[in-house]
């Protein structure tokens, strides 16, 4: 799902491409020169969109890696906390058993 910024950027590029195409069509040039300009313009825009797609993919890949890394850190931290809680509970249980034994005597 594209963000609002990405949608806006794509709409802006599409508008620029259409505007450039219309500008070329209404320019006083020969048909063959106009067709070449249109083709070159679309080729250029296609290349720019491809570069943008690669940039977006790269950013998504980095974010995905960051999220996975943070998740692994969270799991690791949770595991160590779990061990601390278990150790604390075992210690408290031993103290309670000792108090119960002492109270009986």
Protein backbone atom coordinates (compact mmCIF):
# COMPACT_ATOMS: atom_id res chain seq x y z
CA UNK A 1 0.00 0.00 0.00
CA UNK A 2 1.51 3.30 -1.05
CA UNK A 3 1.74 6.20 1.37
CA UNK A 4 0.11 9.54 0.63
CA UNK A 5 3.52 11.00 -0.24
CA UNK A 6 4.19 8.22 -2.74
CA UNK A 7 0.71 8.62 -4.27
CA UNK A 8 1.21 12.37 -4.56
CA UNK A 9 4.63 11.91 -6.13
CA UNK A 10 3.30 9.39 -8.66
CA UNK A 11 0.37 11.68 -9.52
CA UNK A 12 2.78 14.59 -9.96
CA UNK A 13 5.01 12.55 -12.27
CA UNK A 14 2.04 11.31 -14.27
CA UNK A 15 0.78 14.88 -14.62
CA UNK A 16 4.22 16.05 -15.70
CA UNK A 17 4.43 13.28 -18.29
CA UNK A 18 0.97 14.10 -19.69
CA UNK A 19 1.78 17.81 -19.71
CA UNK A 20 5.08 17.21 -21.50
CA UNK A 21 3.35 14.97 -24.02
CA UNK A 22 0.66 17.58 -24.75
CA UNK A 23 3.29 20.30 -25.02
CA UNK A 24 5.20 18.27 -27.59
CA UNK A 25 2.03 17.46 -29.55
CA UNK A 26 1.14 21.12 -29.90
CA UNK A 27 4.68 22.24 -30.74
CA UNK A 28 5.29 23.31 -34.35
CA UNK A 29 7.51 20.37 -35.39
CA UNK A 30 7.50 17.67 -38.04
CA UNK A 31 5.52 14.53 -37.20
CA UNK A 32 8.63 12.35 -37.04
CA UNK A 33 10.40 14.80 -34.72
CA UNK A 34 7.33 15.03 -32.52
CA UNK A 35 7.00 11.23 -32.31
CA UNK A 36 10.70 10.97 -31.38
CA UNK A 37 10.30 13.60 -28.67
CA UNK A 38 7.26 11.79 -27.29
CA UNK A 39 9.08 8.45 -27.32
CA UNK A 40 12.17 9.97 -25.68
CA UNK A 41 10.00 11.68 -23.08
CA UNK A 42 8.16 8.49 -22.22
CA UNK A 43 11.43 6.51 -22.14
CA UNK A 44 12.87 9.08 -19.75
CA UNK A 45 9.79 8.99 -17.50
CA UNK A 46 9.77 5.18 -17.59
CA UNK A 47 13.40 5.18 -16.44
CA UNK A 48 12.64 7.66 -13.65
CA UNK A 49 9.66 5.59 -12.48
CA UNK A 50 11.85 2.48 -12.50
CA UNK A 51 14.42 4.27 -10.36
CA UNK A 52 11.70 5.44 -8.00
CA UNK A 53 10.34 1.89 -7.75
CA UNK A 54 13.82 0.61 -6.89
CA UNK A 55 14.22 3.31 -4.25
CA UNK A 56 10.87 2.45 -2.71
CA UNK A 57 11.69 -1.28 -2.77
CA UNK A 58 15.04 -0.58 -1.14
CA UNK A 59 13.44 1.54 1.59
CA UNK A 60 10.80 -1.14 2.19
CA UNK A 61 13.47 -3.82 2.38
CA UNK A 62 15.48 -1.80 4.91
CA UNK A 63 12.37 -1.13 6.99
CA UNK A 64 11.43 -4.79 6.87
CA UNK A 65 14.92 -5.72 8.03
CA UNK A 66 14.75 -3.11 10.82
CA UNK A 67 11.37 -4.43 11.98
CA UNK A 68 12.63 -8.03 11.95
CA UNK A 69 15.71 -7.00 13.90
CA UNK A 70 13.64 -5.11 16.46
CA UNK A 71 11.33 -8.10 16.81
CA UNK A 72 14.28 -10.41 17.42
CA UNK A 73 15.62 -7.99 20.04
CA UNK A 74 12.21 -7.90 21.70
CA UNK A 75 12.03 -11.70 21.78
CA UNK A 76 15.53 -11.91 23.20
CA UNK A 77 14.75 -9.28 25.82
CA UNK A 78 11.47 -11.02 26.68
CA UNK A 79 13.28 -14.34 27.08
CA UNK A 80 15.82 -12.84 29.49
CA UNK A 81 13.04 -11.11 31.44
CA UNK A 82 11.14 -14.39 31.62
CA UNK A 83 14.17 -16.05 33.13
CA UNK A 84 14.51 -13.24 35.67
CA UNK A 85 10.83 -13.53 36.65
CA UNK A 86 11.10 -17.32 37.05
CA UNK A 87 14.23 -16.96 39.19
CA UNK A 88 12.54 -14.33 41.36
CA UNK A 89 9.43 -16.49 41.78
CA UNK A 90 11.52 -19.56 42.66
CA UNK A 91 13.45 -17.50 45.24
CA UNK A 92 10.20 -16.14 46.71
CA UNK A 93 8.71 -19.66 46.82
CA UNK A 94 11.79 -20.95 48.67
CA UNK A 95 11.47 -18.08 51.18
CA UNK A 96 7.77 -18.83 51.72
CA UNK A 97 8.51 -22.54 52.22
CA UNK A 98 11.21 -21.64 54.71
CA UNK A 99 8.82 -19.30 56.58
CA UNK A 100 6.12 -21.99 56.63
CA UNK A 101 8.58 -24.54 58.01
CA UNK A 102 9.85 -22.08 60.60
CA UNK A 103 6.30 -21.15 61.67
CA UNK A 104 5.45 -24.84 62.32
CA UNK A 105 8.39 -25.25 64.70
